[in-house]
Amino acid sequence: MNADVHALVGPEDALDAIFFALSDPVRRRILERLDGEALLVSELAVPFDISLQAVSRHIQVLVRAGLISQARSGRISRCSLDAEPLEGAALWLNRYAKYWQAQFETLVQHLDRIERETS
């Protein structure tokens, strides 16, 4: 996880910030747009039907979560994705994969039984 985020908050708070940041579809789309390229705030705002100020507020949530870094040059701000904190969220979610896997195995068994019965 981003060292700057850990310096300010504990690991649980950092995870809360990440999930909060990901809870909004606009913020998820901003992250998608930053995948592989750095963009100006004004460029990020183009596809959204909200004000530039609203986009900036979404960006600040992502910055606080450590998911975006900003490089400023005067009034110009270029945003870049920092996907490293997502690893912590993925690790947390993967703890519960065993439950999903069990459901998939049950489904496969059920489908196999149906296939045998109809053959």
C-alpha atoms as a PDB file:
ATOM      1  CA  MET A   1       0.000   0.000   0.000  1.00  0.00           C
ATOM      2  CA  ASN A   2       1.103   3.557  -0.623  1.00  0.00           C
ATOM      3  CA  ALA A   3       3.547   4.562   2.145  1.00  0.00           C
ATOM      4  CA  ASP A   4       2.057   8.071   2.348  1.00  0.00           C
ATOM      5  CA  VAL A   5      -1.393   6.665   3.093  1.00  0.00           C
ATOM      6  CA  HIS A   6      -0.004   4.325   5.783  1.00  0.00           C
ATOM      7  CA  ALA A   7       1.850   7.225   7.408  1.00  0.00           C
ATOM      8  CA  LEU A   8      -1.429   9.111   7.834  1.00  0.00           C
ATOM      9  CA  VAL A   9      -3.791   6.260   8.747  1.00  0.00           C
ATOM     10  CA  GLY A  10      -3.672   2.653   9.878  1.00  0.00           C
ATOM     11  CA  PRO A  11      -4.172  -0.291   7.532  1.00  0.00           C
ATOM     12  CA  GLU A  12      -7.892  -0.650   8.382  1.00  0.00           C
ATOM     13  CA  ASP A  13      -8.490   3.049   7.725  1.00  0.00           C
ATOM     14  CA  ALA A  14      -6.586   2.786   4.440  1.00  0.00           C
ATOM     15  CA  LEU A  15      -8.764  -0.158   3.383  1.00  0.00           C
ATOM     16  CA  ASP A  16     -11.888   1.810   4.327  1.00  0.00           C
ATOM     17  CA  ALA A  17     -10.676   4.732   2.202  1.00  0.00           C
ATOM     18  CA  ILE A  18     -10.044   2.446  -0.780  1.00  0.00           C
ATOM     19  CA  PHE A  19     -13.463   0.802  -0.618  1.00  0.00           C
ATOM     20  CA  PHE A  20     -15.134   4.189  -0.107  1.00  0.00           C
ATOM     21  CA  ALA A  21     -13.288   5.542  -3.155  1.00  0.00           C
ATOM     22  CA  LEU A  22     -14.356   2.533  -5.226  1.00  0.00           C
ATOM     23  CA  SER A  23     -17.983   2.790  -4.084  1.00  0.00           C
ATOM     24  CA  ASP A  24     -18.817   5.528  -6.585  1.00  0.00           C
ATOM     25  CA  PRO A  25     -19.201   4.775 -10.322  1.00  0.00           C
ATOM     26  CA  VAL A  26     -17.692   8.143 -11.330  1.00  0.00           C
ATOM     27  CA  ARG A  27     -14.555   7.409  -9.327  1.00  0.00           C
ATOM     28  CA  ARG A  28     -14.287   3.910 -10.798  1.00  0.00           C
ATOM     29  CA  ARG A  29     -14.558   5.387 -14.310  1.00  0.00           C
ATOM     30  CA  ILE A  30     -11.862   7.948 -13.462  1.00  0.00           C
ATOM     31  CA  LEU A  31      -9.553   5.102 -12.435  1.00  0.00           C
ATOM     32  CA  GLU A  32     -10.360   3.236 -15.658  1.00  0.00           C
ATOM     33  CA  ARG A  33      -9.506   6.326 -17.704  1.00  0.00           C
ATOM     34  CA  LEU A  34      -6.155   6.637 -15.924  1.00  0.00           C
ATOM     35  CA  ASP A  35      -5.199   3.031 -16.670  1.00  0.00           C
ATOM     36  CA  GLY A  36      -1.988   3.413 -18.653  1.00  0.00           C
ATOM     37  CA  GLU A  37      -1.922   7.189 -19.018  1.00  0.00           C
ATOM     38  CA  ALA A  38      -1.706  10.398 -17.045  1.00  0.00           C
ATOM     39  CA  LEU A  39      -4.439  12.942 -17.740  1.00  0.00           C
ATOM     40  CA  LEU A  40      -5.205  16.523 -16.847  1.00  0.00           C
ATOM     41  CA  VAL A  41      -8.190  17.069 -14.569  1.00  0.00           C
ATOM     42  CA  SER A  42      -9.952  18.838 -17.449  1.00  0.00           C
ATOM     43  CA  GLU A  43      -9.348  15.774 -19.672  1.00  0.00           C
ATOM     44  CA  LEU A  44     -10.712  13.462 -16.992  1.00  0.00           C
ATOM     45  CA  ALA A  45     -13.865  15.581 -16.711  1.00  0.00           C
ATOM     46  CA  VAL A  46     -14.818  15.373 -20.405  1.00  0.00           C
ATOM     47  CA  PRO A  47     -17.079  12.273 -20.384  1.00  0.00           C
ATOM     48  CA  PHE A  48     -18.927  13.219 -17.204  1.00  0.00           C
ATOM     49  CA  ASP A  49     -22.088  15.282 -17.081  1.00  0.00           C
ATOM     50  CA  ILE A  50     -20.975  16.991 -13.864  1.00  0.00           C
ATOM     51  CA  SER A  51     -19.033  20.148 -13.116  1.00  0.00           C
ATOM     52  CA  LEU A  52     -15.249  20.336 -13.161  1.00  0.00           C
ATOM     53  CA  GLN A  53     -15.456  21.123  -9.438  1.00  0.00           C
ATOM     54  CA  ALA A  54     -17.405  17.888  -8.811  1.00  0.00           C
ATOM     55  CA  VAL A  55     -14.814  15.886 -10.774  1.00  0.00           C
ATOM     56  CA  SER A  56     -12.083  17.542  -8.688  1.00  0.00           C
ATOM     57  CA  ARG A  57     -13.854  16.447  -5.490  1.00  0.00           C
ATOM     58  CA  HIS A  58     -13.984  12.857  -6.779  1.00  0.00           C
ATOM     59  CA  ILE A  59     -10.285  13.063  -7.619  1.00  0.00           C
ATOM     60  CA  GLN A  60      -9.487  14.242  -4.089  1.00  0.00           C
ATOM     61  CA  VAL A  61     -11.270  11.187  -2.646  1.00  0.00           C
ATOM     62  CA  LEU A  62      -9.105   8.998  -4.891  1.00  0.00           C
ATOM     63  CA  VAL A  63      -5.961  10.899  -3.863  1.00  0.00           C
ATOM     64  CA  ARG A  64      -6.780  10.458  -0.146  1.00  0.00           C
ATOM     65  CA  ALA A  65      -7.220   6.727  -0.767  1.00  0.00           C
ATOM     66  CA  GLY A  66      -3.789   6.647  -2.414  1.00  0.00           C
ATOM     67  CA  LEU A  67      -5.220   5.539  -5.766  1.00  0.00           C
ATOM     68  CA  ILE A  68      -4.248   8.668  -7.696  1.00  0.00           C
ATOM     69  CA  SER A  69      -1.197  10.865  -7.530  1.00  0.00           C
ATOM     70  CA  GLN A  70      -1.228  14.429  -8.817  1.00  0.00           C
ATOM     71  CA  ALA A  71       1.625  16.404 -10.322  1.00  0.00           C
ATOM     72  CA  ARG A  72       0.949  20.132 -10.266  1.00  0.00           C
ATOM     73  CA  SER A  73       2.480  22.783 -12.451  1.00  0.00           C
ATOM     74  CA  GLY A  74       0.894  26.097 -11.526  1.00  0.00           C
ATOM     75  CA  ARG A  75      -2.840  25.710 -12.004  1.00  0.00           C
ATOM     76  CA  ILE A  76      -2.422  22.593 -14.143  1.00  0.00           C
ATOM     77  CA  SER A  77      -2.819  19.225 -12.412  1.00  0.00           C
ATOM     78  CA  ARG A  78      -1.953  15.925 -14.106  1.00  0.00           C
ATOM     79  CA  CYS A  79      -3.337  12.766 -12.512  1.00  0.00           C
ATOM     80  CA  SER A  80      -1.821   9.286 -12.601  1.00  0.00           C
ATOM     81  CA  LEU A  81      -3.125   5.959 -11.377  1.00  0.00           C
ATOM     82  CA  ASP A  82      -1.388   4.361  -8.410  1.00  0.00           C
ATOM     83  CA  ALA A  83      -2.827   0.846  -8.425  1.00  0.00           C
ATOM     84  CA  GLU A  84      -0.624  -0.469  -5.594  1.00  0.00           C
ATOM     85  CA  PRO A  85      -3.246   0.145  -2.851  1.00  0.00           C
ATOM     86  CA  LEU A  86      -5.692  -2.013  -4.809  1.00  0.00           C
ATOM     87  CA  GLU A  87      -3.497  -4.996  -3.965  1.00  0.00           C
ATOM     88  CA  GLY A  88      -4.454  -4.686  -0.292  1.00  0.00           C
ATOM     89  CA  ALA A  89      -8.139  -4.576  -1.221  1.00  0.00           C
ATOM     90  CA  ALA A  90      -7.728  -7.577  -3.521  1.00  0.00           C
ATOM     91  CA  LEU A  91      -5.975  -9.549  -0.778  1.00  0.00           C
ATOM     92  CA  TRP A  92      -8.769  -8.765   1.634  1.00  0.00           C
ATOM     93  CA  LEU A  93     -11.422  -9.834  -0.892  1.00  0.00           C
ATOM     94  CA  ASN A  94      -9.532 -13.003  -1.809  1.00  0.00           C
ATOM     95  CA  ARG A  95      -9.959 -14.271   1.762  1.00  0.00           C
ATOM     96  CA  TYR A  96     -13.565 -14.920   0.826  1.00  0.00           C
ATOM     97  CA  ALA A  97     -12.885 -16.601  -2.520  1.00  0.00           C
ATOM     98  CA  LYS A  98     -13.253 -19.987  -0.835  1.00  0.00           C
ATOM     99  CA  TYR A  99     -16.973 -19.254  -0.424  1.00  0.00           C
ATOM    100  CA  TRP A 100     -17.380 -18.381  -4.096  1.00  0.00           C
ATOM    101  CA  GLN A 101     -15.343 -21.428  -5.099  1.00  0.00           C
ATOM    102  CA  ALA A 102     -17.566 -23.711  -3.017  1.00  0.00           C
ATOM    103  CA  GLN A 103     -20.646 -22.312  -4.770  1.00  0.00           C
ATOM    104  CA  PHE A 104     -19.085 -22.907  -8.188  1.00  0.00           C
ATOM    105  CA  GLU A 105     -18.216 -26.483  -7.233  1.00  0.00           C
ATOM    106  CA  THR A 106     -21.803 -27.055  -6.079  1.00  0.00           C
ATOM    107  CA  LEU A 107     -23.092 -25.634  -9.367  1.00  0.00           C
ATOM    108  CA  VAL A 108     -20.796 -27.915 -11.394  1.00  0.00           C
ATOM    109  CA  GLN A 109     -21.995 -30.944  -9.415  1.00  0.00           C
ATOM    110  CA  HIS A 110     -25.617 -29.919  -9.949  1.00  0.00           C
ATOM    111  CA  LEU A 111     -25.098 -29.435 -13.700  1.00  0.00           C
ATOM    112  CA  ASP A 112     -23.313 -32.812 -13.932  1.00  0.00           C
ATOM    113  CA  ARG A 113     -26.258 -34.486 -12.178  1.00  0.00           C
ATOM    114  CA  ILE A 114     -28.745 -32.832 -14.545  1.00  0.00           C
ATOM    115  CA  GLU A 115     -26.683 -33.945 -17.547  1.00  0.00           C
ATOM    116  CA  ARG A 116     -26.557 -37.534 -16.283  1.00  0.00           C
ATOM    117  CA  GLU A 117     -30.309 -37.576 -15.622  1.00  0.00           C
ATOM    118  CA  THR A 118     -31.165 -36.271 -19.089  1.00  0.00           C
ATOM    119  CA  SER A 119     -28.759 -38.595 -20.931  1.00  0.00           C
END
